[in-house]
Structure formats: structure tokens, C-alpha cells
Amino acid sequence: MKRNIDNEQEQTAQAAFRTFVQNKYTSFGPTSQMIFRTSRELIYDCREMCEPSLPDVAKVMDDLGFKSDQFCGQYTWILYEKEELRY
């Protein structure tokens, strides 16, 4: 029974995180909108909406086709902001 509850919570966190990422970022775009975020930074950004685990973040980001790379000595996700910068 506990295993089913844990699995259900995991799927809910993944679904909420997926929605968060899809609303805010895309996996490709112009270089001017490229940003780098670690998995922990993404968890922090969506903290009011959901609490995904590090494996949840990795699964969702891979499923959505986001690439990762090492940036300034840290393993980061390459994201493109959907909303254009306003000056």
C-alpha cells in the first residue's frame, strides 16, 4: 500500500514539474534566450508548485528532449526561455 502511495506522489510531482517546464522553457531556440540551470535550481524555481526529486527532474528533462552540458564546472541543463526579455 505504501509503495502505491509513493509511486502516485512521484507521478504527481513529475506531472506538475513537466507542466512547469513546458510553460516556461523550450528545448531549442535562439542563443539570446539560452540559459543554464542545474537540477537543484530547477527544483528551487518550481518549489511553490511541486517538489520533484532529482531523479524526477532528470526523467522529465530527458523525456522532453532537453540537453545537458558542463558549464562552469557544474552539470547543467540547457534551456531556452519562452518569454522574451523586456528591457
N, C-alpha and C. Protein backbone atom coordinates (compact mmCIF):
# COMPACT_ATOMS: atom_id res chain seq x y z
N MET A 1 0.82 -1.19 0.00
CA MET A 1 0.00 0.00 0.00
C MET A 1 0.87 1.27 0.00
N LYS A 2 1.89 1.31 0.87
CA LYS A 2 2.77 2.48 0.94
C LYS A 2 3.49 2.68 -0.39
N ARG A 3 3.88 1.58 -1.03
CA ARG A 3 4.58 1.68 -2.30
C ARG A 3 3.69 2.34 -3.36
N ASN A 4 2.40 2.02 -3.37
CA ASN A 4 1.47 2.63 -4.32
C ASN A 4 1.33 4.12 -4.07
N ILE A 5 1.29 4.52 -2.80
CA ILE A 5 1.17 5.94 -2.46
C ILE A 5 2.43 6.69 -2.91
N ASP A 6 3.61 6.12 -2.65
CA ASP A 6 4.86 6.74 -3.07
C ASP A 6 4.93 6.88 -4.58
N ASN A 7 4.52 5.84 -5.30
CA ASN A 7 4.53 5.87 -6.76
C ASN A 7 3.57 6.94 -7.28
N GLU A 8 2.41 7.07 -6.65
CA GLU A 8 1.42 8.06 -7.06
C GLU A 8 1.94 9.48 -6.81
N GLN A 9 2.59 9.70 -5.67
CA GLN A 9 3.17 11.01 -5.38
C GLN A 9 4.28 11.35 -6.36
N GLU A 10 5.08 10.36 -6.72
CA GLU A 10 6.16 10.56 -7.69
C GLU A 10 5.59 10.97 -9.05
N GLN A 11 4.54 10.30 -9.49
CA GLN A 11 3.93 10.62 -10.78
C GLN A 11 3.31 12.01 -10.75
N THR A 12 2.70 12.39 -9.61
CA THR A 12 2.11 13.71 -9.49
C THR A 12 3.19 14.79 -9.54
N ALA A 13 4.31 14.58 -8.84
CA ALA A 13 5.42 15.54 -8.85
C ALA A 13 6.00 15.66 -10.26
N GLN A 14 6.14 14.54 -10.96
CA GLN A 14 6.66 14.57 -12.32
C GLN A 14 5.71 15.32 -13.25
N ALA A 15 4.41 15.08 -13.11
CA ALA A 15 3.43 15.75 -13.97
C ALA A 15 3.43 17.26 -13.72
N ALA A 16 3.48 17.67 -12.46
CA ALA A 16 3.49 19.10 -12.14
C ALA A 16 4.79 19.75 -12.62
N PHE A 17 5.90 19.06 -12.45
CA PHE A 17 7.18 19.60 -12.91
C PHE A 17 7.20 19.69 -14.44
N ARG A 18 6.66 18.70 -15.11
CA ARG A 18 6.58 18.71 -16.58
C ARG A 18 5.80 19.93 -17.05
N THR A 19 4.67 20.20 -16.41
CA THR A 19 3.85 21.37 -16.76
C THR A 19 4.63 22.66 -16.53
N PHE A 20 5.32 22.75 -15.40
CA PHE A 20 6.13 23.93 -15.10
C PHE A 20 7.16 24.18 -16.19
N VAL A 21 7.92 23.15 -16.55
CA VAL A 21 8.99 23.28 -17.54
C VAL A 21 8.41 23.63 -18.92
N GLN A 22 7.35 22.96 -19.32
CA GLN A 22 6.77 23.22 -20.64
C GLN A 22 6.20 24.63 -20.76
N ASN A 23 5.71 25.19 -19.67
CA ASN A 23 5.17 26.55 -19.70
C ASN A 23 6.25 27.62 -19.76
N LYS A 24 7.41 27.32 -19.22
CA LYS A 24 8.45 28.33 -19.07
C LYS A 24 9.61 28.21 -20.06
N TYR A 25 9.91 26.98 -20.49
CA TYR A 25 11.10 26.73 -21.31
C TYR A 25 10.79 25.87 -22.53
N THR A 26 11.70 25.92 -23.49
CA THR A 26 11.67 25.04 -24.64
C THR A 26 13.06 24.43 -24.81
N SER A 27 13.14 23.33 -25.53
CA SER A 27 14.42 22.63 -25.66
C SER A 27 15.30 23.16 -26.78
N PHE A 28 14.83 24.14 -27.54
CA PHE A 28 15.63 24.76 -28.59
C PHE A 28 15.16 26.19 -28.78
N GLY A 29 16.00 26.99 -29.37
CA GLY A 29 15.63 28.38 -29.61
C GLY A 29 16.86 29.22 -29.93
N PRO A 30 16.67 30.54 -29.98
CA PRO A 30 17.80 31.42 -30.28
C PRO A 30 18.79 31.47 -29.12
N THR A 31 20.04 31.67 -29.46
CA THR A 31 21.09 31.72 -28.46
C THR A 31 20.83 32.82 -27.43
N SER A 32 20.19 33.89 -27.83
CA SER A 32 19.94 35.01 -26.91
C SER A 32 19.01 34.60 -25.76
N GLN A 33 18.27 33.52 -25.92
CA GLN A 33 17.36 33.07 -24.88
C GLN A 33 17.86 31.83 -24.15
N MET A 34 19.09 31.43 -24.42
CA MET A 34 19.66 30.24 -23.80
C MET A 34 20.08 30.55 -22.36
N ILE A 35 19.71 29.65 -21.45
CA ILE A 35 20.15 29.76 -20.07
C ILE A 35 20.58 28.37 -19.59
N PHE A 36 21.34 28.34 -18.52
CA PHE A 36 21.81 27.08 -17.94
C PHE A 36 21.26 26.98 -16.53
N ARG A 37 20.68 25.83 -16.18
CA ARG A 37 20.16 25.60 -14.84
C ARG A 37 20.54 24.20 -14.39
N THR A 38 20.94 24.09 -13.14
CA THR A 38 21.17 22.77 -12.56
C THR A 38 19.82 22.18 -12.16
N SER A 39 19.80 20.90 -11.89
CA SER A 39 18.56 20.26 -11.43
C SER A 39 18.09 20.88 -10.12
N ARG A 40 19.01 21.18 -9.24
CA ARG A 40 18.64 21.80 -7.95
C ARG A 40 18.05 23.19 -8.15
N GLU A 41 18.56 23.96 -9.10
CA GLU A 41 18.00 25.28 -9.38
C GLU A 41 16.58 25.15 -9.93
N LEU A 42 16.35 24.16 -10.77
CA LEU A 42 15.00 23.95 -11.30
C LEU A 42 14.03 23.56 -10.19
N ILE A 43 14.48 22.70 -9.28
CA ILE A 43 13.64 22.32 -8.14
C ILE A 43 13.30 23.55 -7.31
N TYR A 44 14.27 24.41 -7.09
CA TYR A 44 14.04 25.63 -6.33
C TYR A 44 13.06 26.55 -7.05
N ASP A 45 13.19 26.69 -8.36
CA ASP A 45 12.32 27.56 -9.15
C ASP A 45 10.85 27.14 -9.08
N CYS A 46 10.60 25.84 -8.99
CA CYS A 46 9.21 25.36 -9.01
C CYS A 46 8.70 24.98 -7.62
N ARG A 47 9.41 25.40 -6.58
CA ARG A 47 9.11 24.98 -5.20
C ARG A 47 7.69 25.30 -4.75
N GLU A 48 7.08 26.34 -5.28
CA GLU A 48 5.72 26.69 -4.88
C GLU A 48 4.67 25.82 -5.57
N MET A 49 5.05 25.18 -6.65
CA MET A 49 4.12 24.38 -7.44
C MET A 49 4.22 22.89 -7.13
N CYS A 50 5.46 22.40 -6.94
CA CYS A 50 5.67 20.98 -6.71
C CYS A 50 7.04 20.77 -6.09
N GLU A 51 7.30 19.54 -5.66
CA GLU A 51 8.59 19.19 -5.06
C GLU A 51 9.13 17.92 -5.71
N PRO A 52 9.63 18.03 -6.94
CA PRO A 52 10.18 16.84 -7.59
C PRO A 52 11.52 16.46 -6.98
N SER A 53 11.87 15.20 -7.07
CA SER A 53 13.18 14.75 -6.63
C SER A 53 14.17 14.93 -7.79
N LEU A 54 15.45 14.77 -7.50
CA LEU A 54 16.46 14.88 -8.56
C LEU A 54 16.23 13.85 -9.68
N PRO A 55 15.88 12.58 -9.35
CA PRO A 55 15.57 11.63 -10.43
C PRO A 55 14.33 12.04 -11.24
N ASP A 56 13.34 12.66 -10.57
CA ASP A 56 12.15 13.14 -11.30
C ASP A 56 12.55 14.20 -12.32
N VAL A 57 13.39 15.13 -11.91
CA VAL A 57 13.85 16.19 -12.80
C VAL A 57 14.58 15.59 -13.99
N ALA A 58 15.48 14.67 -13.73
CA ALA A 58 16.26 14.06 -14.81
C ALA A 58 15.35 13.32 -15.80
N LYS A 59 14.37 12.59 -15.29
CA LYS A 59 13.46 11.84 -16.16
C LYS A 59 12.63 12.78 -17.03
N VAL A 60 12.04 13.80 -16.41
CA VAL A 60 11.20 14.73 -17.16
C VAL A 60 12.02 15.49 -18.20
N MET A 61 13.18 15.97 -17.82
CA MET A 61 14.01 16.73 -18.76
C MET A 61 14.46 15.85 -19.93
N ASP A 62 14.82 14.62 -19.66
CA ASP A 62 15.19 13.70 -20.74
C ASP A 62 13.99 13.41 -21.63
N ASP A 63 12.82 13.16 -21.02
CA ASP A 63 11.61 12.88 -21.79
C ASP A 63 11.24 14.04 -22.72
N LEU A 64 11.47 15.27 -22.25
CA LEU A 64 11.12 16.45 -23.03
C LEU A 64 12.19 16.85 -24.04
N GLY A 65 13.31 16.14 -24.05
CA GLY A 65 14.34 16.37 -25.05
C GLY A 65 15.33 17.47 -24.72
N PHE A 66 15.44 17.86 -23.46
CA PHE A 66 16.42 18.87 -23.09
C PHE A 66 17.81 18.26 -23.04
N LYS A 67 18.79 19.02 -23.46
CA LYS A 67 20.18 18.58 -23.45
C LYS A 67 20.86 19.09 -22.18
N SER A 68 21.95 18.44 -21.83
CA SER A 68 22.72 18.89 -20.68
C SER A 68 24.18 19.00 -21.08
N ASP A 69 24.90 19.82 -20.32
CA ASP A 69 26.31 20.03 -20.61
C ASP A 69 26.98 20.54 -19.34
N GLN A 70 28.29 20.50 -19.34
CA GLN A 70 29.02 21.02 -18.20
C GLN A 70 29.28 22.50 -18.44
N PHE A 71 28.90 23.33 -17.47
CA PHE A 71 29.05 24.77 -17.58
C PHE A 71 29.64 25.28 -16.28
N CYS A 72 30.78 25.93 -16.34
CA CYS A 72 31.48 26.46 -15.15
C CYS A 72 31.69 25.37 -14.11
N GLY A 73 32.04 24.19 -14.55
CA GLY A 73 32.34 23.10 -13.63
C GLY A 73 31.13 22.38 -13.06
N GLN A 74 29.93 22.76 -13.48
CA GLN A 74 28.72 22.10 -13.00
C GLN A 74 27.95 21.50 -14.16
N TYR A 75 27.32 20.37 -13.89
CA TYR A 75 26.48 19.71 -14.89
C TYR A 75 25.14 20.44 -14.92
N THR A 76 24.80 21.04 -16.06
CA THR A 76 23.60 21.87 -16.15
C THR A 76 22.73 21.45 -17.34
N TRP A 77 21.48 21.87 -17.26
CA TRP A 77 20.53 21.68 -18.36
C TRP A 77 20.58 22.92 -19.23
N ILE A 78 20.47 22.73 -20.53
CA ILE A 78 20.43 23.84 -21.48
C ILE A 78 18.97 24.12 -21.78
N LEU A 79 18.52 25.31 -21.41
CA LEU A 79 17.12 25.70 -21.57
C LEU A 79 17.03 26.96 -22.41
N TYR A 80 15.90 27.14 -23.04
CA TYR A 80 15.63 28.36 -23.80
C TYR A 80 14.33 28.94 -23.25
N GLU A 81 14.40 30.17 -22.76
CA GLU A 81 13.23 30.80 -22.18
C GLU A 81 12.21 31.11 -23.27
N LYS A 82 10.96 30.84 -22.97
CA LYS A 82 9.91 31.12 -23.93
C LYS A 82 9.56 32.60 -23.96
N GLU A 83 9.56 33.22 -22.81
CA GLU A 83 9.19 34.62 -22.73
C GLU A 83 10.40 35.48 -23.09
N GLU A 84 10.20 36.41 -23.99
CA GLU A 84 11.30 37.27 -24.42
C GLU A 84 11.64 38.27 -23.33
N LEU A 85 12.92 38.63 -23.27
CA LEU A 85 13.37 39.60 -22.29
C LEU A 85 12.77 40.96 -22.59
N ARG A 86 12.40 41.66 -21.54
CA ARG A 86 11.88 43.01 -21.70
C ARG A 86 12.84 43.98 -21.04
N TYR A 87 13.25 44.97 -21.76
CA TYR A 87 14.22 45.93 -21.24
C TYR A 87 13.55 47.21 -20.81
